[in-house]
């Protein structure tokens, strides 16, 4: 298991980093996806992080 962070601090940290990166001029899709992966890496476990590519790859290869 990852770090245990109170929900209030986690909300402020995620929202604050979202605002900073958006104000830096980065695209919304890259900011939200990148922050999700970073926070999942720091706060989650390895099984959750390995789930991300297995959920995204079928969406990328479906051309219908």
PDB file of N, CA and C in Angstrom:
ATOM      1  N   UNK A   1       0.848  -1.189   0.000  1.00  0.00           N
ATOM      2  CA  UNK A   1       0.000   0.000   0.000  1.00  0.00           C
ATOM      3  C   UNK A   1       0.883   1.237   0.000  1.00  0.00           C
ATOM      4  N   UNK A   2       0.374   2.304  -0.530  1.00  0.00           N
ATOM      5  CA  UNK A   2       1.121   3.545  -0.621  1.00  0.00           C
ATOM      6  C   UNK A   2       1.007   4.373   0.644  1.00  0.00           C
ATOM      7  N   UNK A   3       1.223   5.640   0.499  1.00  0.00           N
ATOM      8  CA  UNK A   3       1.151   6.557   1.633  1.00  0.00           C
ATOM      9  C   UNK A   3      -0.290   6.778   2.065  1.00  0.00           C
ATOM     10  N   UNK A   4      -0.470   7.059   3.329  1.00  0.00           N
ATOM     11  CA  UNK A   4      -1.792   7.403   3.854  1.00  0.00           C
ATOM     12  C   UNK A   4      -1.851   8.926   4.016  1.00  0.00           C
ATOM     13  N   UNK A   5      -2.631   9.580   3.180  1.00  0.00           N
ATOM     14  CA  UNK A   5      -2.764  11.035   3.197  1.00  0.00           C
ATOM     15  C   UNK A   5      -4.218  11.365   3.480  1.00  0.00           C
ATOM     16  N   UNK A   6      -4.478  12.302   4.405  1.00  0.00           N
ATOM     17  CA  UNK A   6      -5.873  12.699   4.649  1.00  0.00           C
ATOM     18  C   UNK A   6      -6.517  13.255   3.378  1.00  0.00           C
ATOM     19  N   UNK A   7      -7.804  13.023   3.247  1.00  0.00           N
ATOM     20  CA  UNK A   7      -8.517  13.372   2.014  1.00  0.00           C
ATOM     21  C   UNK A   7      -8.505  14.877   1.743  1.00  0.00           C
ATOM     22  N   UNK A   8      -8.512  15.681   2.783  1.00  0.00           N
ATOM     23  CA  UNK A   8      -8.472  17.130   2.594  1.00  0.00           C
ATOM     24  C   UNK A   8      -7.161  17.594   1.988  1.00  0.00           C
ATOM     25  N   UNK A   9      -6.053  17.077   2.507  1.00  0.00           N
ATOM     26  CA  UNK A   9      -4.745  17.440   1.974  1.00  0.00           C
ATOM     27  C   UNK A   9      -4.554  16.908   0.564  1.00  0.00           C
ATOM     28  N   UNK A  10      -5.057  15.717   0.326  1.00  0.00           N
ATOM     29  CA  UNK A  10      -4.935  15.128  -1.003  1.00  0.00           C
ATOM     30  C   UNK A  10      -5.708  15.944  -2.038  1.00  0.00           C
ATOM     31  N   UNK A  11      -6.893  16.403  -1.663  1.00  0.00           N
ATOM     32  CA  UNK A  11      -7.693  17.224  -2.567  1.00  0.00           C
ATOM     33  C   UNK A  11      -6.984  18.531  -2.888  1.00  0.00           C
ATOM     34  N   UNK A  12      -6.454  19.186  -1.873  1.00  0.00           N
ATOM     35  CA  UNK A  12      -5.731  20.441  -2.098  1.00  0.00           C
ATOM     36  C   UNK A  12      -4.479  20.230  -2.941  1.00  0.00           C
ATOM     37  N   UNK A  13      -3.763  19.158  -2.679  1.00  0.00           N
ATOM     38  CA  UNK A  13      -2.545  18.882  -3.430  1.00  0.00           C
ATOM     39  C   UNK A  13      -2.845  18.582  -4.897  1.00  0.00           C
ATOM     40  N   UNK A  14      -3.866  17.781  -5.147  1.00  0.00           N
ATOM     41  CA  UNK A  14      -4.214  17.447  -6.532  1.00  0.00           C
ATOM     42  C   UNK A  14      -4.764  18.659  -7.283  1.00  0.00           C
ATOM     43  N   UNK A  15      -5.659  19.400  -6.644  1.00  0.00           N
ATOM     44  CA  UNK A  15      -6.247  20.564  -7.309  1.00  0.00           C
ATOM     45  C   UNK A  15      -5.204  21.655  -7.522  1.00  0.00           C
ATOM     46  N   UNK A  16      -4.338  21.848  -6.543  1.00  0.00           N
ATOM     47  CA  UNK A  16      -3.278  22.846  -6.679  1.00  0.00           C
ATOM     48  C   UNK A  16      -2.310  22.507  -7.795  1.00  0.00           C
ATOM     49  N   UNK A  17      -1.903  21.244  -7.876  1.00  0.00           N
ATOM     50  CA  UNK A  17      -0.989  20.859  -8.946  1.00  0.00           C
ATOM     51  C   UNK A  17      -1.673  20.920 -10.312  1.00  0.00           C
ATOM     52  N   UNK A  18      -2.972  20.634 -10.349  1.00  0.00           N
ATOM     53  CA  UNK A  18      -3.724  20.765 -11.597  1.00  0.00           C
ATOM     54  C   UNK A  18      -3.728  22.220 -12.064  1.00  0.00           C
ATOM     55  N   UNK A  19      -3.997  23.133 -11.158  1.00  0.00           N
ATOM     56  CA  UNK A  19      -4.008  24.553 -11.523  1.00  0.00           C
ATOM     57  C   UNK A  19      -2.639  25.045 -11.963  1.00  0.00           C
ATOM     58  N   UNK A  20      -1.598  24.644 -11.248  1.00  0.00           N
ATOM     59  CA  UNK A  20      -0.245  25.095 -11.594  1.00  0.00           C
ATOM     60  C   UNK A  20       0.150  24.604 -12.982  1.00  0.00           C
ATOM     61  N   UNK A  21      -0.118  23.347 -13.264  1.00  0.00           N
ATOM     62  CA  UNK A  21       0.269  22.806 -14.569  1.00  0.00           C
ATOM     63  C   UNK A  21      -0.572  23.387 -15.704  1.00  0.00           C
ATOM     64  N   UNK A  22      -1.850  23.646 -15.454  1.00  0.00           N
ATOM     65  CA  UNK A  22      -2.670  24.274 -16.488  1.00  0.00           C
ATOM     66  C   UNK A  22      -2.252  25.717 -16.728  1.00  0.00           C
ATOM     67  N   UNK A  23      -1.885  26.422 -15.669  1.00  0.00           N
ATOM     68  CA  UNK A  23      -1.420  27.802 -15.834  1.00  0.00           C
ATOM     69  C   UNK A  23      -0.050  27.857 -16.502  1.00  0.00           C
ATOM     70  N   UNK A  24       0.688  26.757 -16.449  1.00  0.00           N
ATOM     71  CA  UNK A  24       1.976  26.693 -17.139  1.00  0.00           C
ATOM     72  C   UNK A  24       1.794  26.493 -18.638  1.00  0.00           C
ATOM     73  N   UNK A  25       0.560  26.216 -19.062  1.00  0.00           N
ATOM     74  CA  UNK A  25       0.279  26.116 -20.484  1.00  0.00           C
ATOM     75  C   UNK A  25       0.239  24.703 -21.036  1.00  0.00           C
ATOM     76  N   UNK A  26       0.231  23.711 -20.173  1.00  0.00           N
ATOM     77  CA  UNK A  26       0.175  22.328 -20.651  1.00  0.00           C
ATOM     78  C   UNK A  26      -1.257  21.957 -21.025  1.00  0.00           C
ATOM     79  N   UNK A  27      -1.437  21.068 -21.988  1.00  0.00           N
ATOM     80  CA  UNK A  27      -2.789  20.658 -22.393  1.00  0.00           C
ATOM     81  C   UNK A  27      -3.504  19.889 -21.278  1.00  0.00           C
ATOM     82  N   UNK A  28      -4.808  20.057 -21.226  1.00  0.00           N
ATOM     83  CA  UNK A  28      -5.620  19.457 -20.172  1.00  0.00           C
ATOM     84  C   UNK A  28      -5.519  17.935 -20.156  1.00  0.00           C
ATOM     85  N   UNK A  29      -5.512  17.308 -21.314  1.00  0.00           N
ATOM     86  CA  UNK A  29      -5.463  15.841 -21.371  1.00  0.00           C
ATOM     87  C   UNK A  29      -4.166  15.307 -20.781  1.00  0.00           C
ATOM     88  N   UNK A  30      -3.045  15.948 -21.094  1.00  0.00           N
ATOM     89  CA  UNK A  30      -1.766  15.484 -20.568  1.00  0.00           C
ATOM     90  C   UNK A  30      -1.644  15.761 -19.078  1.00  0.00           C
ATOM     91  N   UNK A  31      -2.186  16.878 -18.635  1.00  0.00           N
ATOM     92  CA  UNK A  31      -2.116  17.228 -17.215  1.00  0.00           C
ATOM     93  C   UNK A  31      -2.930  16.252 -16.378  1.00  0.00           C
ATOM     94  N   UNK A  32      -4.161  15.985 -16.778  1.00  0.00           N
ATOM     95  CA  UNK A  32      -4.996  15.088 -15.981  1.00  0.00           C
ATOM     96  C   UNK A  32      -4.464  13.658 -16.012  1.00  0.00           C
ATOM     97  N   UNK A  33      -4.046  13.188 -17.165  1.00  0.00           N
ATOM     98  CA  UNK A  33      -3.490  11.840 -17.245  1.00  0.00           C
ATOM     99  C   UNK A  33      -2.178  11.701 -16.499  1.00  0.00           C
ATOM    100  N   UNK A  34      -1.334  12.699 -16.634  1.00  0.00           N
ATOM    101  CA  UNK A  34      -0.049  12.671 -15.937  1.00  0.00           C
ATOM    102  C   UNK A  34      -0.198  12.741 -14.433  1.00  0.00           C
ATOM    103  N   UNK A  35      -1.078  13.618 -13.968  1.00  0.00           N
ATOM    104  CA  UNK A  35      -1.308  13.711 -12.526  1.00  0.00           C
ATOM    105  C   UNK A  35      -1.922  12.437 -11.972  1.00  0.00           C
ATOM    106  N   UNK A  36      -2.808  11.830 -12.728  1.00  0.00           N
ATOM    107  CA  UNK A  36      -3.395  10.565 -12.271  1.00  0.00           C
ATOM    108  C   UNK A  36      -2.321   9.501 -12.114  1.00  0.00           C
ATOM    109  N   UNK A  37      -1.419   9.407 -13.066  1.00  0.00           N
ATOM    110  CA  UNK A  37      -0.347   8.411 -12.972  1.00  0.00           C
ATOM    111  C   UNK A  37       0.631   8.734 -11.851  1.00  0.00           C
ATOM    112  N   UNK A  38       0.960  10.003 -11.665  1.00  0.00           N
ATOM    113  CA  UNK A  38       1.891  10.385 -10.600  1.00  0.00           C
ATOM    114  C   UNK A  38       1.300  10.097  -9.231  1.00  0.00           C
ATOM    115  N   UNK A  39       0.054  10.501  -9.008  1.00  0.00           N
ATOM    116  CA  UNK A  39      -0.561  10.260  -7.706  1.00  0.00           C
ATOM    117  C   UNK A  39      -0.818   8.775  -7.475  1.00  0.00           C
ATOM    118  N   UNK A  40      -1.112   8.037  -8.517  1.00  0.00           N
ATOM    119  CA  UNK A  40      -1.285   6.593  -8.371  1.00  0.00           C
ATOM    120  C   UNK A  40       0.042   5.926  -8.042  1.00  0.00           C
ATOM    121  N   UNK A  41       1.132   6.413  -8.623  1.00  0.00           N
ATOM    122  CA  UNK A  41       2.458   5.866  -8.326  1.00  0.00           C
ATOM    123  C   UNK A  41       2.863   6.159  -6.888  1.00  0.00           C
ATOM    124  N   UNK A  42       2.582   7.381  -6.417  1.00  0.00           N
ATOM    125  CA  UNK A  42       2.986   7.769  -5.062  1.00  0.00           C
ATOM    126  C   UNK A  42       2.069   7.160  -4.012  1.00  0.00           C
ATOM    127  N   UNK A  43       0.769   7.216  -4.233  1.00  0.00           N
ATOM    128  CA  UNK A  43      -0.188   6.823  -3.202  1.00  0.00           C
ATOM    129  C   UNK A  43      -0.739   5.417  -3.369  1.00  0.00           C
ATOM    130  N   UNK A  44      -0.629   4.850  -4.546  1.00  0.00           N
ATOM    131  CA  UNK A  44      -1.214   3.540  -4.791  1.00  0.00           C
ATOM    132  C   UNK A  44      -0.205   2.422  -4.634  1.00  0.00           C
ATOM    133  N   UNK A  45      -0.571   1.261  -5.120  1.00  0.00           N
ATOM    134  CA  UNK A  45       0.339   0.129  -5.107  1.00  0.00           C
ATOM    135  C   UNK A  45       0.656  -0.280  -6.544  1.00  0.00           C
ATOM    136  N   UNK A  46       1.523  -1.259  -6.689  1.00  0.00           N
ATOM    137  CA  UNK A  46       1.976  -1.642  -8.027  1.00  0.00           C
ATOM    138  C   UNK A  46       0.856  -2.279  -8.852  1.00  0.00           C
ATOM    139  N   UNK A  47      -0.091  -2.936  -8.210  1.00  0.00           N
ATOM    140  CA  UNK A  47      -1.186  -3.559  -8.954  1.00  0.00           C
ATOM    141  C   UNK A  47      -2.090  -2.500  -9.591  1.00  0.00           C
ATOM    142  N   UNK A  48      -2.322  -1.418  -8.891  1.00  0.00           N
ATOM    143  CA  UNK A  48      -3.149  -0.345  -9.450  1.00  0.00           C
ATOM    144  C   UNK A  48      -2.445   0.339 -10.610  1.00  0.00           C
ATOM    145  N   UNK A  49      -1.148   0.541 -10.475  1.00  0.00           N
ATOM    146  CA  UNK A  49      -0.399   1.200 -11.541  1.00  0.00           C
ATOM    147  C   UNK A  49      -0.304   0.315 -12.779  1.00  0.00           C
ATOM    148  N   UNK A  50      -0.219  -0.990 -12.609  1.00  0.00           N
ATOM    149  CA  UNK A  50      -0.182  -1.905 -13.751  1.00  0.00           C
ATOM    150  C   UNK A  50      -1.530  -2.016 -14.442  1.00  0.00           C
ATOM    151  N   UNK A  51      -2.591  -1.609 -13.773  1.00  0.00           N
ATOM    152  CA  UNK A  51      -3.919  -1.681 -14.358  1.00  0.00           C
ATOM    153  C   UNK A  51      -4.129  -0.592 -15.423  1.00  0.00           C
ATOM    154  N   UNK A  52      -3.420   0.514 -15.330  1.00  0.00           N
ATOM    155  CA  UNK A  52      -3.612   1.642 -16.242  1.00  0.00           C
ATOM    156  C   UNK A  52      -3.360   1.251 -17.699  1.00  0.00           C
ATOM    157  N   UNK A  53      -2.196   0.678 -18.056  1.00  0.00           N
ATOM    158  CA  UNK A  53      -2.013   0.327 -19.469  1.00  0.00           C
ATOM    159  C   UNK A  53      -2.947  -0.771 -19.954  1.00  0.00           C
ATOM    160  N   UNK A  54      -3.303  -1.694 -19.073  1.00  0.00           N
ATOM    161  CA  UNK A  54      -4.195  -2.766 -19.510  1.00  0.00           C
ATOM    162  C   UNK A  54      -5.609  -2.260 -19.768  1.00  0.00           C
ATOM    163  N   UNK A  55      -5.987  -1.144 -19.187  1.00  0.00           N
ATOM    164  CA  UNK A  55      -7.298  -0.550 -19.462  1.00  0.00           C
ATOM    165  C   UNK A  55      -7.253   0.384 -20.673  1.00  0.00           C
ATOM    166  N   UNK A  56      -6.126   1.033 -20.922  1.00  0.00           N
ATOM    167  CA  UNK A  56      -6.024   2.013 -22.000  1.00  0.00           C
ATOM    168  C   UNK A  56      -5.724   1.354 -23.345  1.00  0.00           C
ATOM    169  N   UNK A  57      -4.920   0.303 -23.365  1.00  0.00           N
ATOM    170  CA  UNK A  57      -4.501  -0.317 -24.629  1.00  0.00           C
ATOM    171  C   UNK A  57      -5.670  -0.800 -25.483  1.00  0.00           C
ATOM    172  N   UNK A  58      -6.678  -1.485 -24.927  1.00  0.00           N
ATOM    173  CA  UNK A  58      -7.811  -1.879 -25.790  1.00  0.00           C
ATOM    174  C   UNK A  58      -8.556  -0.689 -26.396  1.00  0.00           C
ATOM    175  N   UNK A  59      -8.602   0.429 -25.695  1.00  0.00           N
ATOM    176  CA  UNK A  59      -9.245   1.622 -26.257  1.00  0.00           C
ATOM    177  C   UNK A  59      -8.440   2.195 -27.420  1.00  0.00           C
ATOM    178  N   UNK A  60      -7.116   2.078 -27.336  1.00  0.00           N
ATOM    179  CA  UNK A  60      -6.262   2.608 -28.393  1.00  0.00           C
ATOM    180  C   UNK A  60      -6.272   1.740 -29.640  1.00  0.00           C
ATOM    181  N   UNK A  61      -6.530   0.451 -29.496  1.00  0.00           N
ATOM    182  CA  UNK A  61      -6.468  -0.451 -30.644  1.00  0.00           C
ATOM    183  C   UNK A  61      -7.833  -0.757 -31.244  1.00  0.00           C
ATOM    184  N   UNK A  62      -8.892  -0.180 -30.720  1.00  0.00           N
ATOM    185  CA  UNK A  62     -10.237  -0.402 -31.252  1.00  0.00           C
ATOM    186  C   UNK A  62     -10.531   0.675 -32.295  1.00  0.00           C
ATOM    187  N   UNK A  63     -10.539   0.286 -33.572  1.00  0.00           N
ATOM    188  CA  UNK A  63     -10.692   1.243 -34.664  1.00  0.00           C
ATOM    189  C   UNK A  63     -12.084   1.261 -35.264  1.00  0.00           C
ATOM    190  N   UNK A  64     -13.081   0.847 -34.550  1.00  0.00           N
ATOM    191  CA  UNK A  64     -14.425   0.778 -35.124  1.00  0.00           C
ATOM    192  C   UNK A  64     -15.185   2.051 -34.935  1.00  0.00           C
TER     193      UNK A  64
END
